[in-house]
Protein backbone atom coordinates (compact mmCIF):
# COMPACT_ATOMS: atom_id res chain seq x y z
CA MET A 1 7.10 46.59 -53.77
CA GLU A 2 5.01 46.53 -50.62
CA TYR A 3 4.52 50.16 -49.54
CA ASN A 4 2.27 49.08 -46.66
CA GLU A 5 5.46 48.17 -44.79
CA ILE A 6 6.40 51.86 -44.38
CA LEU A 7 2.93 53.24 -43.62
CA ASP A 8 1.73 53.69 -40.07
CA PHE A 9 -0.93 51.34 -38.71
CA GLU A 10 -3.86 53.71 -39.30
CA SER A 11 -2.95 54.50 -42.94
CA SER A 12 -2.16 50.88 -43.77
CA LYS A 13 -5.43 49.71 -42.20
CA LEU A 14 -7.54 52.20 -44.20
CA LEU A 15 -5.75 51.32 -47.44
CA LYS A 16 -6.20 47.56 -46.94
CA LEU A 17 -9.87 48.00 -46.02
CA PHE A 18 -10.58 50.14 -49.09
CA ASN A 19 -8.76 47.69 -51.38
CA LEU A 20 -10.76 44.79 -49.94
CA LEU A 21 -14.05 46.57 -50.56
CA LYS A 22 -13.09 47.67 -54.10
CA SER A 23 -12.02 44.15 -55.08
CA THR A 24 -15.53 42.75 -54.95
CA ASP A 25 -18.92 43.83 -56.29
CA ASN A 26 -20.68 41.81 -53.61
CA ASN A 27 -21.35 42.64 -49.98
CA SER A 28 -18.54 41.99 -47.49
CA SER A 29 -19.48 40.94 -44.00
CA LEU A 30 -17.90 42.53 -40.94
CA GLU A 31 -16.71 39.09 -39.89
CA LYS A 32 -14.93 38.52 -43.20
CA LEU A 33 -13.34 41.98 -43.19
CA SER A 34 -12.26 41.48 -39.59
CA ASN A 35 -10.63 38.13 -40.39
CA GLU A 36 -8.90 39.49 -43.50
CA LEU A 37 -7.51 42.58 -41.75
CA GLY A 38 -6.91 41.15 -38.29
CA ILE A 39 -8.78 43.98 -36.53
CA ASN A 40 -12.06 44.00 -34.61
CA ALA A 41 -15.44 44.87 -36.08
CA LYS A 42 -15.87 48.17 -34.17
CA THR A 43 -12.55 49.47 -35.55
CA ILE A 44 -13.68 48.54 -39.07
CA VAL A 45 -16.94 50.48 -38.67
CA ARG A 46 -14.98 53.55 -37.48
CA SER A 47 -12.58 53.20 -40.43
CA ILE A 48 -15.49 52.99 -42.89
CA LYS A 49 -16.88 56.25 -41.49
CA LYS A 50 -13.46 57.86 -41.90
CA ILE A 51 -13.19 56.72 -45.53
CA ASN A 52 -16.63 58.18 -46.27
CA ARG A 53 -15.46 61.48 -44.75
CA LEU A 54 -12.38 61.36 -47.00
CA PHE A 55 -14.64 60.90 -50.05
CA LYS A 56 -16.34 64.15 -49.07
CA ARG A 57 -13.03 65.96 -48.47
CA TYR A 58 -11.76 64.97 -51.92
CA GLN A 59 -15.14 65.94 -53.47
CA LEU A 60 -15.79 62.37 -54.58
CA ASP A 61 -18.83 61.71 -52.36
CA GLU A 62 -21.19 61.98 -55.34
CA HIS A 63 -19.32 59.13 -57.05
CA LEU A 64 -18.11 56.92 -54.18
CA ALA A 65 -19.68 55.70 -50.95
CA ILE A 66 -19.28 52.72 -48.64
CA CYS A 67 -22.88 51.65 -48.03
CA ARG A 68 -24.46 49.36 -45.47
CA TRP A 69 -26.57 46.59 -46.96
CA SER A 70 -27.67 45.33 -43.56
CA LYS A 71 -26.33 45.61 -40.03
CA ASP A 72 -23.19 43.60 -40.73
CA TYR A 73 -22.71 43.87 -44.50
CA PHE A 74 -20.97 46.63 -46.48
CA TYR A 75 -20.18 47.34 -50.13
CA LEU A 76 -18.41 50.05 -52.14
CA LYS A 77 -20.88 51.97 -54.32
CA ARG A 78 -19.18 53.65 -57.29
CA ASP A 79 -20.26 55.39 -60.47
CA ASN A 80 -17.11 54.32 -62.27
CA ASP A 81 -13.84 52.61 -61.31
CA ILE A 82 -11.92 55.71 -62.39
CA TYR A 83 -13.12 57.41 -59.18
CA VAL A 84 -11.61 54.57 -57.16
CA ASP A 85 -8.21 55.45 -58.64
CA TYR A 86 -8.80 59.17 -58.07
CA PHE A 87 -9.41 58.46 -54.40
CA LEU A 88 -6.32 56.26 -54.05
CA VAL A 89 -4.11 58.86 -55.73
CA GLN A 90 -5.33 61.67 -53.46
CA TYR A 91 -5.23 59.60 -50.26
CA ILE A 92 -1.80 58.06 -50.87
CA SER A 93 -0.23 61.33 -52.06
CA GLY A 94 -1.12 63.03 -48.76
CA LEU A 95 0.47 60.44 -46.46
CA PRO A 96 3.61 61.65 -44.61
CA GLU A 97 5.74 58.73 -45.79
CA ILE A 98 4.80 59.26 -49.45
CA THR A 99 5.29 63.04 -49.19
CA PHE A 100 8.77 62.40 -47.81
CA LEU A 101 9.65 59.95 -50.60
CA LYS A 102 8.38 62.39 -53.21
CA ALA A 103 10.58 65.11 -51.69
CA ILE A 104 13.75 63.02 -51.76
CA ILE A 105 13.07 61.71 -55.29
CA GLU A 106 12.60 65.23 -56.59
CA GLU A 107 15.47 66.42 -54.37
CA GLU A 108 13.49 69.16 -52.73
CA ASN A 109 14.28 70.45 -49.24
CA SER A 110 13.84 67.19 -47.34
CA GLN A 111 15.02 68.17 -43.88
CA ALA A 112 12.99 66.26 -41.30
CA LYS A 113 12.17 69.39 -39.30
CA LYS A 114 10.78 71.27 -42.31
CA LEU A 115 8.79 68.25 -43.52
CA ALA A 116 7.35 67.72 -40.04
CA GLU A 117 6.14 71.33 -40.00
CA ASN A 118 4.52 70.98 -43.43
CA LEU A 119 2.79 67.75 -42.44
CA LEU A 120 1.69 68.97 -39.02
CA ILE A 121 3.43 66.15 -37.16
CA SER A 122 6.20 66.21 -34.55
CA GLU A 123 9.85 66.14 -35.60
CA SER A 124 10.42 62.96 -33.58
CA SER A 125 7.49 61.28 -35.39
CA MET A 126 8.97 62.34 -38.74
CA ARG A 127 12.40 60.95 -37.79
CA ARG A 128 10.85 57.60 -36.80
CA ARG A 129 9.16 57.45 -40.20
CA VAL A 130 12.42 58.29 -41.98
CA LYS A 131 14.25 55.52 -40.10
CA LYS A 132 11.55 53.02 -41.07
CA ILE A 133 11.69 54.12 -44.72
CA ASN A 134 15.49 53.80 -44.76
CA GLU A 135 15.34 50.23 -43.44
CA TRP A 136 12.75 49.38 -46.08
CA LEU A 137 14.82 50.90 -48.91
CA LYS A 138 17.82 48.77 -47.93
CA LYS A 139 15.89 45.71 -49.18
CA PHE A 140 16.31 47.21 -52.65
CA ASP A 141 20.01 48.07 -52.19
CA ILE A 142 19.18 51.76 -51.75
CA HIS A 143 19.64 53.88 -48.65
CA LEU A 144 19.28 57.49 -47.52
CA LYS A 145 22.36 59.63 -47.14
CA ARG A 146 22.61 60.86 -43.59
CA GLY A 147 21.70 64.51 -43.16
CA THR A 148 20.56 65.27 -46.73
CA TYR A 149 18.40 62.14 -47.21
CA GLU A 150 19.68 61.79 -50.77
CA LEU A 151 18.98 58.42 -52.42
CA VAL A 152 22.21 56.41 -52.58
CA GLY A 153 22.73 53.19 -54.54
CA GLU A 154 23.22 51.89 -58.06
CA GLU A 155 21.50 54.20 -60.51
CA GLU A 156 19.59 51.30 -62.12
CA GLN A 157 18.04 50.52 -58.72
CA ILE A 158 17.09 54.14 -58.06
CA ARG A 159 15.45 54.50 -61.48
CA ALA A 160 13.52 51.26 -60.97
CA PHE A 161 12.37 52.58 -57.60
CA ILE A 162 11.21 55.88 -59.11
CA LEU A 163 9.23 54.03 -61.81
CA HIS A 164 7.49 51.82 -59.24
CA PHE A 165 6.84 54.85 -57.03
CA TYR A 166 5.22 56.68 -59.96
CA TRP A 167 2.80 53.84 -60.70
CA PHE A 168 1.95 53.28 -57.03
CA VAL A 169 1.38 56.92 -56.11
CA TYR A 170 0.03 58.45 -59.32
CA GLN A 171 -1.28 55.31 -61.08
CA GLY A 172 -0.96 56.92 -64.50
CA THR A 173 -3.07 59.99 -63.66
CA GLU A 174 -2.02 63.49 -64.76
CA ASN A 175 0.28 65.13 -62.20
CA LYS A 176 3.11 67.62 -61.77
CA PHE A 177 5.70 64.88 -61.28
CA LEU A 178 8.13 64.47 -64.20
CA LEU A 179 6.61 67.16 -66.40
CA LEU A 180 9.99 68.40 -67.70
CA LYS A 181 10.99 67.43 -71.25
CA LYS A 182 7.63 65.73 -71.78
CA GLU A 183 7.46 66.46 -75.52
CA ARG A 184 11.00 65.24 -76.12
CA SER A 185 10.37 62.04 -74.16
CA GLN A 186 7.20 61.40 -76.16
CA GLN A 187 9.05 61.81 -79.46
CA LEU A 188 11.75 59.39 -78.35
CA THR A 189 9.11 56.90 -77.18
CA ASN A 190 7.48 56.92 -80.61
CA LYS A 191 10.86 56.45 -82.31
CA LEU A 192 11.70 53.42 -80.16
CA VAL A 193 8.27 51.82 -80.64
CA HIS A 194 8.89 52.08 -84.38
CA PHE A 195 12.54 50.91 -84.15
CA PHE A 196 11.74 47.74 -82.19
CA LYS A 197 8.45 47.27 -84.09
CA MET A 198 6.60 46.99 -80.79
CA GLN A 199 2.96 45.94 -80.60
CA ILE A 200 1.97 47.58 -77.31
CA ASN A 201 -1.19 49.17 -75.95
CA ASP A 202 -1.51 52.71 -74.58
CA LEU A 203 -0.85 51.67 -70.98
CA GLN A 204 2.36 49.86 -71.95
CA LYS A 205 3.36 52.84 -74.06
CA GLU A 206 2.87 55.04 -70.98
CA SER A 207 5.29 52.79 -69.04
CA LEU A 208 7.86 53.03 -71.83
CA PHE A 209 7.43 56.81 -71.90
CA ARG A 210 8.02 57.03 -68.12
CA ILE A 211 11.15 54.83 -68.33
CA ILE A 212 12.59 57.17 -70.98
CA GLN A 213 11.49 60.29 -69.11
CA ILE A 214 13.11 59.14 -65.85
CA ALA A 215 16.32 58.27 -67.72
CA ILE A 216 16.52 61.72 -69.36
CA TRP A 217 15.68 63.50 -66.11
CA ARG A 218 18.25 61.61 -64.01
CA TYR A 219 20.98 61.88 -66.66
CA GLN A 220 20.52 65.65 -66.91
CA LYS A 221 20.88 65.88 -63.13
CA GLY A 222 24.27 64.15 -63.42
CA LYS A 223 23.01 60.78 -62.10
CA LYS A 224 24.77 58.38 -64.45
CA VAL A 225 24.41 54.65 -65.03
CA TRP A 226 27.49 52.43 -65.03
CA ILE A 227 27.07 49.32 -67.16
CA LYS A 228 28.66 46.23 -65.65
CA GLU A 229 31.75 44.83 -67.37
CA GLU A 230 30.10 41.57 -68.43
CA TRP A 231 27.65 43.50 -70.62
CA LYS A 232 30.17 45.65 -72.46
CA GLN A 233 31.38 42.94 -74.85
CA TYR A 234 27.83 42.08 -75.83
CA ILE A 235 26.81 45.72 -76.28
CA GLU A 236 29.97 46.89 -78.10
CA ASN A 237 29.74 44.20 -80.75
CA SER A 238 25.97 44.23 -81.18
CA PHE A 239 24.78 45.05 -84.70
CA ILE A 240 21.31 45.94 -83.43
CA PHE A 241 22.75 48.17 -80.70
CA SER A 242 24.75 50.13 -83.28
CA LYS A 243 21.54 50.70 -85.28
CA PHE A 244 19.80 51.67 -82.03
CA VAL A 245 22.49 54.32 -81.30
CA LYS A 246 22.13 55.81 -84.79
CA LYS A 247 18.35 55.99 -84.32
CA ILE A 248 18.70 57.75 -80.95
CA LYS A 249 21.34 60.20 -82.11
CA ARG A 250 19.16 61.47 -84.92
CA ASP A 251 17.53 63.39 -82.12
CA GLU A 252 19.95 66.31 -81.71
CA GLU A 253 19.30 66.70 -77.99
CA SER A 254 20.26 63.04 -77.37
CA ILE A 255 23.62 63.30 -79.14
CA ASN A 256 25.49 63.86 -75.87
CA TRP A 257 24.23 60.70 -74.20
CA ASP A 258 27.22 58.55 -73.29
CA PHE A 259 27.76 54.85 -74.02
CA GLU A 260 26.56 53.69 -70.59
CA GLU A 261 23.32 55.66 -70.82
CA LEU A 262 22.51 54.38 -74.30
CA SER A 263 23.37 50.83 -73.19
CA TYR A 264 21.08 51.11 -70.18
CA LEU A 265 18.17 52.33 -72.29
CA TYR A 266 18.73 49.56 -74.85
CA LEU A 267 18.84 46.83 -72.17
CA ILE A 268 16.00 48.07 -69.95
CA ILE A 269 13.64 48.37 -72.93
CA GLN A 270 14.50 44.79 -73.91
CA ALA A 271 13.90 43.63 -70.34
CA HIS A 272 10.44 45.22 -70.12
CA PHE A 273 9.11 44.78 -73.65
CA LEU A 274 10.99 42.01 -75.52
CA PRO A 275 7.85 39.81 -75.90
CA TYR A 276 6.16 42.72 -77.72
CA PHE A 277 8.97 43.35 -80.24
CA GLY A 278 8.48 42.52 -83.90
CA SER A 279 9.07 38.86 -84.78
CA SER A 280 12.18 39.49 -86.89
CA MET A 281 13.65 41.77 -84.19
CA GLN A 282 13.09 39.03 -81.59
CA ALA A 283 14.87 36.49 -83.78
CA TYR A 284 17.90 38.80 -84.23
CA LEU A 285 18.12 39.46 -80.49
CA ILE A 286 17.83 35.78 -79.54
CA GLU A 287 20.65 35.02 -81.98
CA GLU A 288 22.87 37.77 -80.55
CA HIS A 289 22.32 36.62 -76.98
CA TYR A 290 23.07 33.06 -78.06
CA LEU A 291 26.28 33.94 -79.96
CA LYS A 292 27.57 36.22 -77.18
CA LYS A 293 26.60 33.65 -74.53
CA THR A 294 25.01 36.30 -72.33
CA THR A 295 24.16 35.37 -68.75
CA CYS A 296 20.45 35.96 -69.24
CA PHE A 297 20.47 33.58 -72.22
CA SER A 298 22.33 30.95 -70.16
CA ASN A 299 19.72 31.32 -67.39
CA THR A 300 16.95 31.02 -69.98
CA LEU A 301 18.52 27.83 -71.35
CA ASP A 302 18.90 26.37 -67.84
CA ALA A 303 15.30 27.21 -66.97
CA THR A 304 13.80 25.79 -70.17
CA ASN A 305 15.82 22.56 -69.89
CA LYS A 306 15.11 22.06 -66.19
CA LEU A 307 11.39 22.65 -66.53
CA LYS A 308 11.18 20.18 -69.42
CA GLN A 309 12.81 17.60 -67.13
CA VAL A 310 10.43 18.32 -64.26
CA PHE A 311 7.36 18.15 -66.51
CA TRP A 312 8.65 15.03 -68.29
CA ASP A 313 5.25 13.34 -68.24
CA THR A 314 3.82 15.73 -70.80
CA LYS A 315 5.31 16.59 -74.16
CA PHE A 316 5.74 20.26 -74.95
CA SER A 317 8.12 22.42 -76.93
CA HIS A 318 9.35 25.88 -76.01
CA SER A 319 8.34 28.39 -78.66
CA LYS A 320 10.04 31.64 -79.61
CA ALA A 321 7.39 33.40 -77.51
CA SER A 322 8.29 31.44 -74.37
CA VAL A 323 12.04 31.91 -74.96
CA VAL A 324 11.76 35.71 -75.26
CA SER A 325 9.54 35.77 -72.15
CA PHE A 326 12.22 33.95 -70.13
CA LEU A 327 14.98 36.04 -71.73
CA GLY A 328 13.42 39.42 -70.96
CA PHE A 329 12.56 38.33 -67.41
CA HIS A 330 16.11 37.20 -66.61
CA LEU A 331 17.59 40.28 -68.27
CA TYR A 332 15.41 42.47 -66.02
CA TYR A 333 16.82 40.84 -62.89
CA GLU A 334 20.38 41.24 -64.09
CA LEU A 335 19.78 44.98 -64.34
CA VAL A 336 17.83 45.42 -61.07
CA SER A 337 17.00 43.36 -58.00
CA GLY A 338 14.12 43.16 -55.55
CA PHE A 339 11.51 45.01 -57.63
CA ILE A 340 8.47 43.18 -58.96
CA PHE A 341 8.45 42.49 -62.70
CA GLU A 342 4.67 42.68 -63.07
CA LYS A 343 1.47 42.70 -61.05
CA ASN A 344 1.17 39.13 -59.88
CA GLN A 345 -0.92 36.78 -57.78
CA THR A 346 0.52 35.36 -54.61
CA ARG A 347 2.01 31.89 -54.63
CA SER A 348 -0.66 30.69 -52.17
CA THR A 349 -3.43 31.48 -54.69
CA LEU A 350 -1.70 29.49 -57.42
CA LYS A 351 -1.04 26.60 -55.02
CA GLU A 352 -4.70 26.53 -54.05
CA ASN A 353 -5.89 26.42 -57.67
CA TYR A 354 -3.16 24.25 -59.22
CA PRO A 355 -1.54 22.17 -56.44
CA ASP A 356 0.10 19.49 -58.61
CA PHE A 357 1.38 21.93 -61.23
CA MET A 358 2.82 24.24 -58.56
CA ARG A 359 4.47 21.33 -56.73
CA LYS A 360 6.39 20.41 -59.88
CA LEU A 361 7.20 24.03 -60.63
CA ALA A 362 8.55 24.48 -57.08
CA GLU A 363 10.77 21.42 -57.58
CA GLY A 364 12.26 22.92 -60.74
CA ILE A 365 12.76 26.39 -59.23
CA CYS A 366 14.42 24.90 -56.14
CA GLU A 367 16.95 23.03 -58.28
CA LEU A 368 17.62 26.10 -60.43
CA GLY A 369 18.14 28.22 -57.29
CA GLU A 370 20.77 25.78 -56.01
CA LYS A 371 22.67 26.14 -59.30
CA SER A 372 22.56 29.92 -59.78
CA SER A 373 22.63 32.89 -57.37
CA ILE A 374 20.59 35.01 -59.84
CA TYR A 375 17.41 33.65 -58.21
CA GLN A 376 18.28 35.48 -55.00
CA ARG A 377 17.65 38.79 -56.82
CA ILE A 378 14.08 37.82 -57.75
CA PRO A 379 11.11 38.13 -55.34
CA LYS A 380 9.76 34.61 -54.86
CA ASP A 381 6.13 35.34 -55.67
CA THR A 382 7.22 37.15 -58.83
CA LEU A 383 9.43 34.24 -59.89
CA TYR A 384 6.70 31.64 -59.40
CA TYR A 385 4.05 33.75 -61.11
CA ARG A 386 6.21 34.59 -64.16
CA TYR A 387 7.32 30.98 -64.65
CA PHE A 388 3.73 29.82 -64.13
CA MET A 389 2.44 32.24 -66.77
CA ILE A 390 5.04 31.16 -69.35
CA LEU A 391 4.63 27.44 -68.69
CA SER A 392 0.83 27.54 -68.56
CA SER A 393 0.88 28.93 -72.12
CA LEU A 394 2.60 25.67 -73.16
CA ILE A 395 0.93 23.14 -70.84
CA SER A 396 -2.55 23.23 -69.36
CA PRO A 397 -2.00 23.99 -65.65
CA VAL A 398 -4.65 21.41 -64.73
CA TYR A 399 -3.23 18.49 -66.73
CA GLY A 400 -1.92 16.69 -63.62
CA GLU A 401 -4.73 17.59 -61.25
CA LYS A 402 -7.47 15.24 -60.12
CA ARG A 403 -9.91 14.58 -62.97
CA ILE A 404 -13.45 15.62 -62.11
CA PHE A 405 -16.43 14.13 -63.95
CA VAL A 406 -19.49 16.36 -64.26
CA CYS A 407 -22.62 14.50 -65.34
CA LEU A 408 -25.49 16.29 -67.10
CA MET A 409 -28.91 14.80 -66.40
CA THR A 410 -31.41 17.18 -67.99
CA ASP A 411 -34.72 17.30 -69.81
CA LEU A 412 -33.25 19.55 -72.51
CA SER A 413 -33.05 18.63 -76.17
CA LEU A 414 -29.93 16.75 -77.30
CA GLU A 415 -28.60 19.84 -79.10
CA LYS A 416 -29.17 22.13 -76.12
CA GLU A 417 -27.66 19.68 -73.64
CA THR A 418 -24.55 19.22 -75.83
CA GLU A 419 -24.18 23.00 -76.11
CA LEU A 420 -24.47 23.32 -72.34
CA GLY A 421 -21.78 20.65 -71.82
CA GLU A 422 -19.42 22.47 -74.18
CA ARG A 423 -19.99 25.77 -72.38
CA ILE A 424 -19.11 24.19 -69.02
CA SER A 425 -16.00 22.49 -70.46
CA ASN A 426 -14.77 25.69 -72.12
CA PHE A 427 -15.43 27.90 -69.12
CA PHE A 428 -13.47 25.70 -66.70
CA SER A 429 -10.88 24.41 -69.20
CA ASN A 430 -7.84 25.98 -67.49
CA LYS A 431 -9.17 25.97 -63.95
CA PHE A 432 -10.08 22.31 -63.41
CA ASN A 433 -9.23 18.99 -65.03
CA LEU A 434 -12.87 18.55 -65.95
CA VAL A 435 -14.74 16.10 -68.17
CA VAL A 436 -18.46 16.48 -68.97
CA VAL A 437 -20.36 13.21 -69.36
CA TYR A 438 -24.04 12.66 -70.14
CA ALA A 439 -26.46 10.49 -68.17
CA ARG A 440 -27.17 8.08 -71.04
CA THR A 441 -26.18 5.00 -69.05
CA SER A 442 -25.99 4.08 -65.38
CA LYS A 443 -22.22 3.62 -65.79
CA SER A 444 -21.67 7.25 -66.81
CA ILE A 445 -23.56 8.36 -63.70
CA SER A 446 -21.79 5.99 -61.31
CA TYR A 447 -18.30 7.49 -61.79
CA ALA A 448 -19.51 11.11 -61.88
CA ASP A 449 -18.33 13.47 -59.12
CA ILE A 450 -21.14 16.00 -59.59
CA ILE A 451 -24.59 15.72 -61.15
CA LEU A 452 -26.17 18.76 -62.80
CA THR A 453 -29.88 18.62 -63.52
CA THR A 454 -32.66 20.91 -64.72
CA VAL A 455 -35.33 19.01 -62.73
CA ILE A 456 -35.05 17.59 -59.21
CA TYR A 457 -37.21 14.46 -59.09
CA GLN A 458 -37.79 12.43 -55.95
CA ALA A 459 -35.55 9.45 -56.69
CA LEU A 460 -32.50 11.50 -57.64
CA ASN A 461 -31.22 12.28 -54.16
CA GLN A 462 -32.17 8.82 -52.91
CA LYS A 463 -30.49 6.90 -55.73
CA TYR A 464 -27.17 8.78 -56.04
CA THR A 465 -24.69 9.87 -53.36
CA GLN A 466 -22.95 12.53 -55.48
CA PRO A 467 -23.71 16.25 -54.95
CA VAL A 468 -26.66 17.31 -57.11
CA LEU A 469 -27.09 20.86 -58.36
CA LEU A 470 -30.21 22.29 -59.96
CA ILE A 471 -29.41 24.56 -62.92
CA GLU A 472 -31.57 26.67 -65.21
CA PRO A 473 -31.66 26.06 -68.98
CA ASN A 474 -30.24 29.55 -69.66
CA PHE A 475 -27.25 28.75 -67.38
CA SER A 476 -26.72 32.02 -65.48
CA GLU A 477 -23.52 33.43 -63.92
CA GLU A 478 -24.85 32.38 -60.53
CA ALA A 479 -24.91 28.75 -61.73
CA ILE A 480 -21.23 29.06 -62.78
CA LEU A 481 -20.29 30.22 -59.27
CA GLN A 482 -22.26 27.37 -57.66
CA ILE A 483 -20.57 24.81 -59.92
CA GLU A 484 -17.14 26.25 -59.13
CA LYS A 485 -17.76 25.89 -55.39
CA LEU A 486 -18.72 22.24 -55.90
CA LEU A 487 -15.67 21.62 -58.11
CA LYS A 488 -13.34 23.02 -55.43
CA ARG A 489 -15.01 20.84 -52.83
CA VAL A 490 -14.72 17.55 -54.75
CA ARG A 491 -11.14 18.31 -55.90
CA LYS A 492 -9.82 18.19 -52.33
């Protein structure tokens, strides 16, 4: 979800600028920031001053500061990245658009006039913001009820929206949002982790806890889920689902949950966490989806077969791990649409790093999209990233890219030079189709794309036309970055 679309220009600009500065430990030039943000240098300087004032307002100025390295270079100084998140939470939570969304989610008094008074903005400005938010929500098949601003749409969509809103606004920090029934939700979370034999970390467990908490909260408010007809046959005859219901209903307070609510919880947990279930549980679930011929299993089968056809020039076999990854992903987009499945890179970044791999992947996705309308529910960047991540666990993403030969010409001992070659190969193994050769013969040097040396002697630059890079025997991080720049240059 791209919340920047609903923020005003000033708020969006500050947020983008801060995120740019936090994403790098190095200095950022005014020119680079200006190009990235599409605003002039003077505006950026004013925005930096405003952010520093906000640090002081939120009492974070002892831990965060945007500092000037020279006249045109800036960097974000921080004691710890936790303070970066503290700032984002406080800044985002105070924005009018976010305050309005929080009010309608929690069903507080969300009249535009009252909100405008609380936020010290005009009523007309508030109404313009509400209209913009409503248009944005429609992309997720949700809209605001006229007059009351109540969220209207399929309950699965609204719950998915609330979960994404929680992680964007609060980012897992302690807050007053969703504090009701916290102990009960935690107990149920622990039961389900044990039931599905999940191997998840604390952050994933927090996501599971919030999914359960939102479900309990919405159900108690009378906001019920309606499971689509095509899922009922699968759910009603599922042996694992019947065990799941018994496990849930051991909790006395959950005994009144209806069939649809239990079905939703069972399916949404599969969609989010299936790859982390115990191995035997995964096998049972794959078998059930196969025997019941569920749509998500059919889409998984289509995807695995099509991608094997597209990548015909390399032999690979889909594992249970890749099947459950596809299965959970497609199940997620049968339950909801438009929301991102995970934090992902943009397609342009993947294309830049793995052009041949992404070209073939695009071919496969295009053909799958022509066959099934399910792909219209999935954000394109999310689809490409998820498929890329699954496939790249089976095939090296650089297997079809241009092969680059890096030649080592050093005065190191044989053992040290071999160790250095292995370090370079391992470091770049999934980023470049790279082969390290050694300057033992003139032939090995002649077909090299890059020459790395520990000593620059006079004849080297005169005798060879390839780029030559001087490296230190201890091979620092700076050398890695220099090599990567050269590799990108010769790959083009």
